[in-house]
Amino acid sequence: MTRDRQRKQSAPIKQVGIAEYAVVTDNTVLSTSGVGSCLGIVLRDSFNDVSGLIHVMLPTAEESRDGNPAKFVDTGLPLVIEEMIEAGASKRRLEGWVVGGSEMLSFSSDGDSIGSRNIAAAKQAFEHYGIDVAGTDVGGSHGRSIRFDPASESVTIQTAKDNTTQTI
């Protein structure tokens, strides 16, 4: 067995729930499931070995009276970035992956789905913070589960629709 295979098999996994986030400074695999119109956003500073994952539900906090900032792109992403910087990351070295934003529910009076509004909010936030996009798997009409492996710096996506797996 190769050394990389041993490390990958022994890496702990941190499950991130809906409206939750996690930041790690080791090879802990970050995972979340139930990503439909929600987004799973992964951030990584590979130079300083700091990774984060947040599972957001809505684009902006103003759309809800819920006080959990991790539920929203506009308030949750800054929390992850701040905690990553506190853990040793450099904001200018961050790269990110965005997964989800399916067209599953539409409650907006302007006709835009939650999924498309989430994607737009993430794009705007990445531009605002100067985060390079490493990969995306967005849109569609299916749920996803995602796993980020810091050792390989890859996001593996399993789709609920046909149970296929891809890596970005």
N, C-alpha and C. Protein backbone atom coordinates (compact mmCIF):
# COMPACT_ATOMS: atom_id res chain seq x y z
N MET A 1 0.84 -1.18 0.00
CA MET A 1 0.00 0.00 0.00
C MET A 1 0.89 1.24 0.00
N THR A 2 0.56 2.20 -0.85
CA THR A 2 1.36 3.41 -0.93
C THR A 2 1.08 4.32 0.26
N ARG A 3 2.01 5.22 0.49
CA ARG A 3 1.87 6.15 1.61
C ARG A 3 0.63 7.04 1.44
N ASP A 4 0.39 7.55 0.19
CA ASP A 4 -0.78 8.39 -0.06
C ASP A 4 -2.07 7.63 0.23
N ARG A 5 -2.14 6.37 -0.18
CA ARG A 5 -3.34 5.57 0.05
C ARG A 5 -3.57 5.38 1.55
N GLN A 6 -2.49 5.13 2.31
CA GLN A 6 -2.63 4.97 3.77
C GLN A 6 -3.17 6.26 4.39
N ARG A 7 -2.61 7.40 3.97
CA ARG A 7 -3.04 8.67 4.54
C ARG A 7 -4.50 8.93 4.21
N LYS A 8 -4.90 8.67 2.98
CA LYS A 8 -6.28 8.90 2.56
C LYS A 8 -7.25 8.00 3.33
N GLN A 9 -6.89 6.74 3.54
CA GLN A 9 -7.77 5.82 4.25
C GLN A 9 -7.91 6.19 5.72
N SER A 10 -6.86 6.77 6.29
CA SER A 10 -6.90 7.05 7.71
C SER A 10 -7.37 8.47 8.04
N ALA A 11 -7.64 9.28 7.02
CA ALA A 11 -8.07 10.66 7.27
C ALA A 11 -9.44 10.67 7.93
N PRO A 12 -9.57 11.44 9.02
CA PRO A 12 -10.89 11.56 9.66
C PRO A 12 -11.85 12.32 8.75
N ILE A 13 -13.13 12.16 8.99
CA ILE A 13 -14.17 12.85 8.21
C ILE A 13 -14.98 13.72 9.15
N LYS A 14 -15.19 14.97 8.76
CA LYS A 14 -16.02 15.91 9.50
C LYS A 14 -17.28 16.17 8.69
N GLN A 15 -18.42 15.73 9.23
CA GLN A 15 -19.71 15.94 8.57
C GLN A 15 -20.23 17.33 8.92
N VAL A 16 -20.61 18.09 7.91
CA VAL A 16 -21.14 19.44 8.08
C VAL A 16 -22.62 19.41 7.72
N GLY A 17 -23.45 19.81 8.66
CA GLY A 17 -24.89 19.82 8.44
C GLY A 17 -25.36 21.07 7.71
N ILE A 18 -26.65 21.11 7.42
CA ILE A 18 -27.26 22.27 6.78
C ILE A 18 -27.17 23.45 7.73
N ALA A 19 -26.76 24.61 7.20
CA ALA A 19 -26.57 25.84 7.97
C ALA A 19 -25.47 25.68 9.02
N GLU A 20 -24.45 24.89 8.67
CA GLU A 20 -23.28 24.71 9.52
C GLU A 20 -22.03 24.89 8.67
N TYR A 21 -20.90 25.07 9.37
CA TYR A 21 -19.62 25.13 8.66
C TYR A 21 -18.54 24.54 9.54
N ALA A 22 -17.42 24.21 8.89
CA ALA A 22 -16.26 23.69 9.61
C ALA A 22 -15.00 24.20 8.94
N VAL A 23 -13.96 24.40 9.75
CA VAL A 23 -12.65 24.79 9.27
C VAL A 23 -11.65 23.81 9.86
N VAL A 24 -10.74 23.31 9.02
CA VAL A 24 -9.74 22.34 9.47
C VAL A 24 -8.35 22.77 9.00
N THR A 25 -7.33 22.33 9.74
CA THR A 25 -5.95 22.65 9.41
C THR A 25 -5.12 21.38 9.25
N ASP A 26 -5.78 20.32 8.84
CA ASP A 26 -5.11 19.04 8.61
C ASP A 26 -5.78 18.36 7.43
N ASN A 27 -5.62 17.06 7.30
CA ASN A 27 -6.21 16.33 6.17
C ASN A 27 -7.60 15.79 6.46
N THR A 28 -8.30 16.35 7.44
CA THR A 28 -9.67 15.94 7.71
C THR A 28 -10.53 16.19 6.48
N VAL A 29 -11.23 15.16 6.04
CA VAL A 29 -12.13 15.27 4.89
C VAL A 29 -13.40 15.97 5.36
N LEU A 30 -13.84 16.98 4.61
CA LEU A 30 -15.06 17.72 4.92
C LEU A 30 -16.18 17.20 4.02
N SER A 31 -17.34 16.92 4.62
CA SER A 31 -18.42 16.29 3.89
C SER A 31 -19.76 16.92 4.26
N THR A 32 -20.65 17.00 3.28
CA THR A 32 -22.02 17.43 3.54
C THR A 32 -22.94 16.75 2.53
N SER A 33 -24.19 16.58 2.92
CA SER A 33 -25.16 15.94 2.04
C SER A 33 -26.45 16.75 2.05
N GLY A 34 -27.38 16.37 1.19
CA GLY A 34 -28.65 17.09 1.10
C GLY A 34 -28.51 18.44 0.43
N VAL A 35 -27.56 18.56 -0.50
CA VAL A 35 -27.34 19.82 -1.21
C VAL A 35 -28.24 19.84 -2.44
N GLY A 36 -29.37 20.53 -2.32
CA GLY A 36 -30.31 20.66 -3.43
C GLY A 36 -30.23 22.08 -3.96
N SER A 37 -31.20 22.92 -3.59
CA SER A 37 -31.12 24.34 -3.95
C SER A 37 -30.08 25.04 -3.08
N CYS A 38 -29.69 24.41 -1.98
CA CYS A 38 -28.62 24.92 -1.11
C CYS A 38 -27.30 24.90 -1.88
N LEU A 39 -26.27 25.46 -1.25
CA LEU A 39 -24.93 25.37 -1.79
C LEU A 39 -23.98 24.78 -0.77
N GLY A 40 -23.09 23.95 -1.23
CA GLY A 40 -21.92 23.55 -0.46
C GLY A 40 -20.76 24.35 -1.02
N ILE A 41 -20.14 25.18 -0.19
CA ILE A 41 -19.03 26.02 -0.64
C ILE A 41 -17.77 25.59 0.11
N VAL A 42 -16.76 25.21 -0.65
CA VAL A 42 -15.47 24.80 -0.09
C VAL A 42 -14.46 25.91 -0.36
N LEU A 43 -13.69 26.25 0.67
CA LEU A 43 -12.59 27.19 0.51
C LEU A 43 -11.30 26.51 0.94
N ARG A 44 -10.19 26.87 0.29
CA ARG A 44 -8.91 26.23 0.59
C ARG A 44 -7.76 27.21 0.39
N ASP A 45 -6.86 27.26 1.37
CA ASP A 45 -5.56 27.90 1.22
C ASP A 45 -4.56 26.76 1.30
N SER A 46 -4.10 26.27 0.16
CA SER A 46 -3.22 25.10 0.14
C SER A 46 -1.83 25.42 0.67
N PHE A 47 -1.38 26.65 0.54
CA PHE A 47 -0.06 27.02 1.04
C PHE A 47 0.00 26.89 2.56
N ASN A 48 -1.06 27.32 3.24
CA ASN A 48 -1.11 27.29 4.71
C ASN A 48 -1.89 26.10 5.25
N ASP A 49 -2.38 25.23 4.38
CA ASP A 49 -3.10 24.00 4.75
C ASP A 49 -4.32 24.27 5.64
N VAL A 50 -5.16 25.19 5.17
CA VAL A 50 -6.40 25.51 5.88
C VAL A 50 -7.56 25.34 4.90
N SER A 51 -8.59 24.60 5.33
CA SER A 51 -9.76 24.33 4.48
C SER A 51 -11.03 24.63 5.25
N GLY A 52 -12.08 24.99 4.52
CA GLY A 52 -13.37 25.22 5.13
C GLY A 52 -14.50 24.76 4.22
N LEU A 53 -15.61 24.40 4.83
CA LEU A 53 -16.82 24.01 4.10
C LEU A 53 -18.01 24.60 4.82
N ILE A 54 -18.90 25.21 4.06
CA ILE A 54 -20.16 25.72 4.61
C ILE A 54 -21.31 25.22 3.73
N HIS A 55 -22.43 24.88 4.37
CA HIS A 55 -23.64 24.42 3.68
C HIS A 55 -24.71 25.49 3.92
N VAL A 56 -24.88 26.38 2.93
CA VAL A 56 -25.82 27.49 3.06
C VAL A 56 -27.15 27.17 2.38
N MET A 57 -28.22 27.77 2.89
CA MET A 57 -29.56 27.52 2.36
C MET A 57 -30.10 28.63 1.47
N LEU A 58 -29.79 29.87 1.83
CA LEU A 58 -30.38 31.03 1.16
C LEU A 58 -29.31 32.07 0.84
N PRO A 59 -29.57 32.93 -0.15
CA PRO A 59 -28.55 33.91 -0.53
C PRO A 59 -28.29 35.01 0.49
N THR A 60 -29.36 35.54 1.12
CA THR A 60 -29.16 36.68 2.02
C THR A 60 -29.93 36.52 3.32
N ALA A 61 -29.36 37.05 4.37
CA ALA A 61 -29.97 36.99 5.70
C ALA A 61 -31.25 37.81 5.77
N GLU A 62 -31.37 38.80 4.93
CA GLU A 62 -32.57 39.65 4.96
C GLU A 62 -33.83 38.89 4.54
N GLU A 63 -33.66 37.70 3.96
CA GLU A 63 -34.81 36.90 3.52
C GLU A 63 -35.43 36.08 4.64
N SER A 64 -34.88 36.18 5.84
CA SER A 64 -35.36 35.33 6.92
C SER A 64 -35.15 36.01 8.27
N ARG A 65 -35.91 35.60 9.23
CA ARG A 65 -35.71 36.09 10.59
C ARG A 65 -34.84 35.14 11.41
N ASP A 66 -34.38 34.08 10.78
CA ASP A 66 -33.51 33.12 11.43
C ASP A 66 -32.19 33.80 11.79
N GLY A 67 -31.74 33.64 13.01
CA GLY A 67 -30.53 34.30 13.47
C GLY A 67 -29.25 33.55 13.18
N ASN A 68 -29.30 32.40 12.50
CA ASN A 68 -28.10 31.62 12.23
C ASN A 68 -27.40 32.16 10.98
N PRO A 69 -26.28 32.86 11.12
CA PRO A 69 -25.62 33.43 9.95
C PRO A 69 -25.07 32.39 8.98
N ALA A 70 -24.82 31.17 9.44
CA ALA A 70 -24.29 30.13 8.56
C ALA A 70 -25.34 29.63 7.57
N LYS A 71 -26.55 30.07 7.71
CA LYS A 71 -27.64 29.65 6.82
C LYS A 71 -27.61 30.42 5.50
N PHE A 72 -26.86 31.52 5.43
CA PHE A 72 -26.93 32.43 4.29
C PHE A 72 -25.56 32.65 3.66
N VAL A 73 -25.54 32.82 2.34
CA VAL A 73 -24.29 33.09 1.63
C VAL A 73 -23.67 34.38 2.13
N ASP A 74 -24.46 35.45 2.22
CA ASP A 74 -23.90 36.78 2.53
C ASP A 74 -23.36 36.91 3.95
N THR A 75 -23.85 36.12 4.88
CA THR A 75 -23.34 36.21 6.26
C THR A 75 -22.49 35.00 6.64
N GLY A 76 -22.72 33.87 5.99
CA GLY A 76 -21.98 32.66 6.33
C GLY A 76 -20.58 32.62 5.75
N LEU A 77 -20.44 33.01 4.49
CA LEU A 77 -19.12 32.97 3.86
C LEU A 77 -18.11 33.84 4.60
N PRO A 78 -18.47 35.06 5.03
CA PRO A 78 -17.51 35.85 5.80
C PRO A 78 -17.09 35.16 7.12
N LEU A 79 -18.01 34.41 7.74
CA LEU A 79 -17.65 33.66 8.96
C LEU A 79 -16.56 32.63 8.68
N VAL A 80 -16.73 31.89 7.59
CA VAL A 80 -15.75 30.86 7.23
C VAL A 80 -14.41 31.51 6.92
N ILE A 81 -14.43 32.57 6.13
CA ILE A 81 -13.19 33.26 5.77
C ILE A 81 -12.48 33.77 7.03
N GLU A 82 -13.23 34.39 7.93
CA GLU A 82 -12.64 34.92 9.17
C GLU A 82 -12.02 33.80 10.00
N GLU A 83 -12.73 32.68 10.16
CA GLU A 83 -12.19 31.58 10.94
C GLU A 83 -10.97 30.95 10.25
N MET A 84 -10.99 30.90 8.92
CA MET A 84 -9.83 30.38 8.20
C MET A 84 -8.61 31.28 8.40
N ILE A 85 -8.81 32.58 8.37
CA ILE A 85 -7.71 33.52 8.60
C ILE A 85 -7.17 33.36 10.02
N GLU A 86 -8.07 33.21 10.99
CA GLU A 86 -7.64 32.97 12.37
C GLU A 86 -6.84 31.67 12.50
N ALA A 87 -7.13 30.71 11.63
CA ALA A 87 -6.42 29.42 11.65
C ALA A 87 -5.13 29.45 10.84
N GLY A 88 -4.83 30.60 10.22
CA GLY A 88 -3.56 30.74 9.50
C GLY A 88 -3.66 30.92 8.01
N ALA A 89 -4.86 30.96 7.45
CA ALA A 89 -5.03 31.14 6.01
C ALA A 89 -4.76 32.59 5.61
N SER A 90 -4.43 32.77 4.35
CA SER A 90 -4.28 34.09 3.76
C SER A 90 -5.45 34.32 2.82
N LYS A 91 -6.16 35.43 3.01
CA LYS A 91 -7.33 35.71 2.16
C LYS A 91 -6.96 35.75 0.68
N ARG A 92 -5.76 36.23 0.36
CA ARG A 92 -5.37 36.34 -1.05
C ARG A 92 -5.01 35.00 -1.67
N ARG A 93 -4.85 33.96 -0.85
CA ARG A 93 -4.51 32.64 -1.38
C ARG A 93 -5.72 31.70 -1.45
N LEU A 94 -6.90 32.19 -1.09
CA LEU A 94 -8.07 31.32 -1.08
C LEU A 94 -8.53 30.97 -2.49
N GLU A 95 -8.90 29.72 -2.65
CA GLU A 95 -9.59 29.27 -3.85
C GLU A 95 -10.83 28.54 -3.38
N GLY A 96 -11.82 28.42 -4.26
CA GLY A 96 -13.08 27.83 -3.81
C GLY A 96 -13.80 27.01 -4.86
N TRP A 97 -14.65 26.15 -4.34
CA TRP A 97 -15.52 25.30 -5.15
C TRP A 97 -16.95 25.57 -4.72
N VAL A 98 -17.88 25.59 -5.67
CA VAL A 98 -19.29 25.81 -5.38
C VAL A 98 -20.08 24.65 -5.98
N VAL A 99 -20.90 24.02 -5.14
CA VAL A 99 -21.69 22.87 -5.58
C VAL A 99 -23.13 23.06 -5.12
N GLY A 100 -24.09 22.76 -5.99
CA GLY A 100 -25.51 22.81 -5.63
C GLY A 100 -26.26 23.82 -6.47
N GLY A 101 -27.22 24.48 -5.85
CA GLY A 101 -28.01 25.47 -6.55
C GLY A 101 -28.99 24.89 -7.54
N SER A 102 -29.49 23.69 -7.24
CA SER A 102 -30.46 23.06 -8.14
C SER A 102 -31.76 23.84 -8.19
N GLU A 103 -32.48 23.68 -9.26
CA GLU A 103 -33.79 24.32 -9.46
C GLU A 103 -34.86 23.41 -8.85
N MET A 104 -34.99 23.47 -7.54
CA MET A 104 -35.91 22.56 -6.87
C MET A 104 -37.12 23.28 -6.28
N LEU A 105 -36.93 24.51 -5.80
CA LEU A 105 -38.01 25.27 -5.17
C LEU A 105 -37.99 26.70 -5.69
N SER A 106 -39.15 27.31 -5.83
CA SER A 106 -39.22 28.70 -6.25
C SER A 106 -40.28 29.42 -5.40
N PHE A 107 -39.79 30.28 -4.50
CA PHE A 107 -40.69 31.03 -3.64
C PHE A 107 -40.63 32.53 -3.92
N SER A 108 -39.74 32.93 -4.78
CA SER A 108 -39.51 34.34 -5.03
C SER A 108 -40.59 34.92 -5.93
N SER A 109 -41.00 36.14 -5.63
CA SER A 109 -42.02 36.80 -6.45
C SER A 109 -41.48 37.20 -7.82
N ASP A 110 -40.15 37.32 -7.95
CA ASP A 110 -39.59 37.70 -9.24
C ASP A 110 -39.34 36.50 -10.14
N GLY A 111 -39.67 35.30 -9.67
CA GLY A 111 -39.58 34.12 -10.49
C GLY A 111 -38.26 33.39 -10.45
N ASP A 112 -37.22 34.00 -9.88
CA ASP A 112 -35.93 33.31 -9.79
C ASP A 112 -35.98 32.27 -8.69
N SER A 113 -35.43 31.10 -8.98
CA SER A 113 -35.43 30.03 -7.99
C SER A 113 -34.41 30.32 -6.89
N ILE A 114 -34.58 29.66 -5.77
CA ILE A 114 -33.62 29.78 -4.67
C ILE A 114 -32.24 29.34 -5.16
N GLY A 115 -32.20 28.24 -5.91
CA GLY A 115 -30.93 27.74 -6.40
C GLY A 115 -30.18 28.76 -7.24
N SER A 116 -30.84 29.37 -8.20
CA SER A 116 -30.16 30.35 -9.06
C SER A 116 -29.76 31.59 -8.28
N ARG A 117 -30.55 32.00 -7.30
CA ARG A 117 -30.20 33.14 -6.46
C ARG A 117 -29.01 32.81 -5.57
N ASN A 118 -28.94 31.57 -5.08
CA ASN A 118 -27.78 31.16 -4.29
C ASN A 118 -26.50 31.19 -5.12
N ILE A 119 -26.59 30.68 -6.35
CA ILE A 119 -25.42 30.68 -7.24
C ILE A 119 -24.95 32.11 -7.49
N ALA A 120 -25.90 33.00 -7.78
CA ALA A 120 -25.54 34.40 -8.04
C ALA A 120 -24.90 35.04 -6.81
N ALA A 121 -25.42 34.74 -5.62
CA ALA A 121 -24.86 35.31 -4.39
C ALA A 121 -23.45 34.79 -4.14
N ALA A 122 -23.21 33.51 -4.41
CA ALA A 122 -21.87 32.94 -4.22
C ALA A 122 -20.89 33.57 -5.21
N LYS A 123 -21.32 33.73 -6.46
CA LYS A 123 -20.45 34.36 -7.47
C LYS A 123 -20.09 35.78 -7.04
N GLN A 124 -21.08 36.52 -6.58
CA GLN A 124 -20.84 37.89 -6.13
C GLN A 124 -19.88 37.91 -4.94
N ALA A 125 -20.07 37.00 -3.99
CA ALA A 125 -19.19 36.94 -2.81
C ALA A 125 -17.76 36.58 -3.20
N PHE A 126 -17.59 35.62 -4.11
CA PHE A 126 -16.25 35.23 -4.56
C PHE A 126 -15.56 36.44 -5.21
N GLU A 127 -16.30 37.18 -6.03
CA GLU A 127 -15.73 38.38 -6.66
C GLU A 127 -15.36 39.42 -5.61
N HIS A 128 -16.25 39.64 -4.64
CA HIS A 128 -16.02 40.63 -3.58
C HIS A 128 -14.76 40.31 -2.79
N TYR A 129 -14.56 39.05 -2.44
CA TYR A 129 -13.41 38.64 -1.62
C TYR A 129 -12.19 38.26 -2.45
N GLY A 130 -12.30 38.30 -3.77
CA GLY A 130 -11.17 37.96 -4.62
C GLY A 130 -10.79 36.49 -4.56
N ILE A 131 -11.78 35.62 -4.40
CA ILE A 131 -11.54 34.18 -4.30
C ILE A 131 -11.55 33.58 -5.71
N ASP A 132 -10.48 32.87 -6.05
CA ASP A 132 -10.41 32.18 -7.33
C ASP A 132 -11.33 30.96 -7.32
N VAL A 133 -12.06 30.75 -8.40
CA VAL A 133 -12.94 29.60 -8.52
C VAL A 133 -12.13 28.42 -9.06
N ALA A 134 -12.03 27.36 -8.24
CA ALA A 134 -11.30 26.15 -8.65
C ALA A 134 -12.21 25.18 -9.38
N GLY A 135 -13.51 25.22 -9.08
CA GLY A 135 -14.44 24.32 -9.74
C GLY A 135 -15.86 24.56 -9.30
N THR A 136 -16.81 24.19 -10.17
CA THR A 136 -18.23 24.30 -9.84
C THR A 136 -18.99 23.10 -10.40
N ASP A 137 -20.07 22.79 -9.73
CA ASP A 137 -21.06 21.85 -10.24
C ASP A 137 -22.39 22.39 -9.74
N VAL A 138 -23.03 23.23 -10.54
CA VAL A 138 -24.21 23.95 -10.09
C VAL A 138 -25.37 23.77 -11.06
N GLY A 139 -26.57 24.08 -10.55
CA GLY A 139 -27.78 24.00 -11.37
C GLY A 139 -28.33 22.60 -11.44
N GLY A 140 -29.11 22.36 -12.46
CA GLY A 140 -29.74 21.06 -12.61
C GLY A 140 -30.97 20.96 -11.72
N SER A 141 -31.45 19.73 -11.56
CA SER A 141 -32.65 19.52 -10.76
C SER A 141 -32.47 18.32 -9.83
N HIS A 142 -31.27 18.13 -9.33
CA HIS A 142 -30.97 16.97 -8.49
C HIS A 142 -30.17 17.37 -7.26
N GLY A 143 -30.31 16.57 -6.23
CA GLY A 143 -29.54 16.77 -5.02
C GLY A 143 -28.14 16.20 -5.16
N ARG A 144 -27.29 16.62 -4.25
CA ARG A 144 -25.90 16.18 -4.28
C ARG A 144 -25.37 15.97 -2.86
N SER A 145 -24.36 15.14 -2.76
CA SER A 145 -23.53 15.02 -1.56
C SER A 145 -22.12 15.35 -2.00
N ILE A 146 -21.38 16.02 -1.12
CA ILE A 146 -20.02 16.39 -1.49
C ILE A 146 -19.02 16.03 -0.40
N ARG A 147 -17.81 15.74 -0.85
CA ARG A 147 -16.68 15.46 0.05
C ARG A 147 -15.47 16.22 -0.47
N PHE A 148 -14.84 16.98 0.42
CA PHE A 148 -13.60 17.67 0.06
C PHE A 148 -12.44 16.99 0.76
N ASP A 149 -11.47 16.57 -0.02
CA ASP A 149 -10.27 15.92 0.50
C ASP A 149 -9.11 16.92 0.41
N PRO A 150 -8.69 17.49 1.54
CA PRO A 150 -7.59 18.46 1.50
C PRO A 150 -6.28 17.88 0.98
N ALA A 151 -6.05 16.60 1.20
CA ALA A 151 -4.80 15.99 0.74
C ALA A 151 -4.67 16.02 -0.78
N SER A 152 -5.77 15.79 -1.48
CA SER A 152 -5.75 15.81 -2.95
C SER A 152 -6.32 17.10 -3.52
N GLU A 153 -6.85 17.95 -2.65
CA GLU A 153 -7.49 19.21 -3.04
C GLU A 153 -8.55 18.97 -4.11
N SER A 154 -9.41 17.99 -3.84
CA SER A 154 -10.46 17.66 -4.80
C SER A 154 -11.81 17.54 -4.11
N VAL A 155 -12.84 17.92 -4.85
CA VAL A 155 -14.21 17.80 -4.39
C VAL A 155 -14.86 16.66 -5.16
N THR A 156 -15.37 15.68 -4.43
CA THR A 156 -16.08 14.56 -5.04
C THR A 156 -17.57 14.77 -4.81
N ILE A 157 -18.33 14.68 -5.90
CA ILE A 157 -19.77 14.95 -5.86
C ILE A 157 -20.51 13.68 -6.24
N GLN A 158 -21.46 13.30 -5.41
CA GLN A 158 -22.34 12.18 -5.73
C GLN A 158 -23.74 12.74 -5.95
N THR A 159 -24.33 12.45 -7.11
CA THR A 159 -25.65 12.97 -7.41
C THR A 159 -26.73 12.01 -6.92
N ALA A 160 -27.80 12.58 -6.40
CA ALA A 160 -28.91 11.77 -5.90
C ALA A 160 -29.75 11.23 -7.05
N LYS A 161 -29.77 11.94 -8.17
CA LYS A 161 -30.62 11.56 -9.30
C LYS A 161 -30.27 10.19 -9.87
N ASP A 162 -28.98 10.00 -10.19
CA ASP A 162 -28.57 8.75 -10.81
C ASP A 162 -27.41 8.07 -10.10
N ASN A 163 -27.07 8.59 -8.92
CA ASN A 163 -26.03 8.00 -8.08
C ASN A 163 -24.66 7.99 -8.76
N THR A 164 -24.42 8.92 -9.68
CA THR A 164 -23.11 9.01 -10.32
C THR A 164 -22.17 9.84 -9.44
N THR A 165 -20.89 9.64 -9.64
CA THR A 165 -19.87 10.35 -8.88
C THR A 165 -18.92 11.05 -9.85
N GLN A 166 -18.58 12.28 -9.52
CA GLN A 166 -17.58 13.00 -10.31
C GLN A 166 -16.68 13.77 -9.35
N THR A 167 -15.50 14.10 -9.83
CA THR A 167 -14.54 14.86 -9.02
C THR A 167 -14.18 16.13 -9.78
N ILE A 168 -14.21 17.24 -9.04
CA ILE A 168 -13.81 18.53 -9.63
C ILE A 168 -12.68 19.09 -8.81
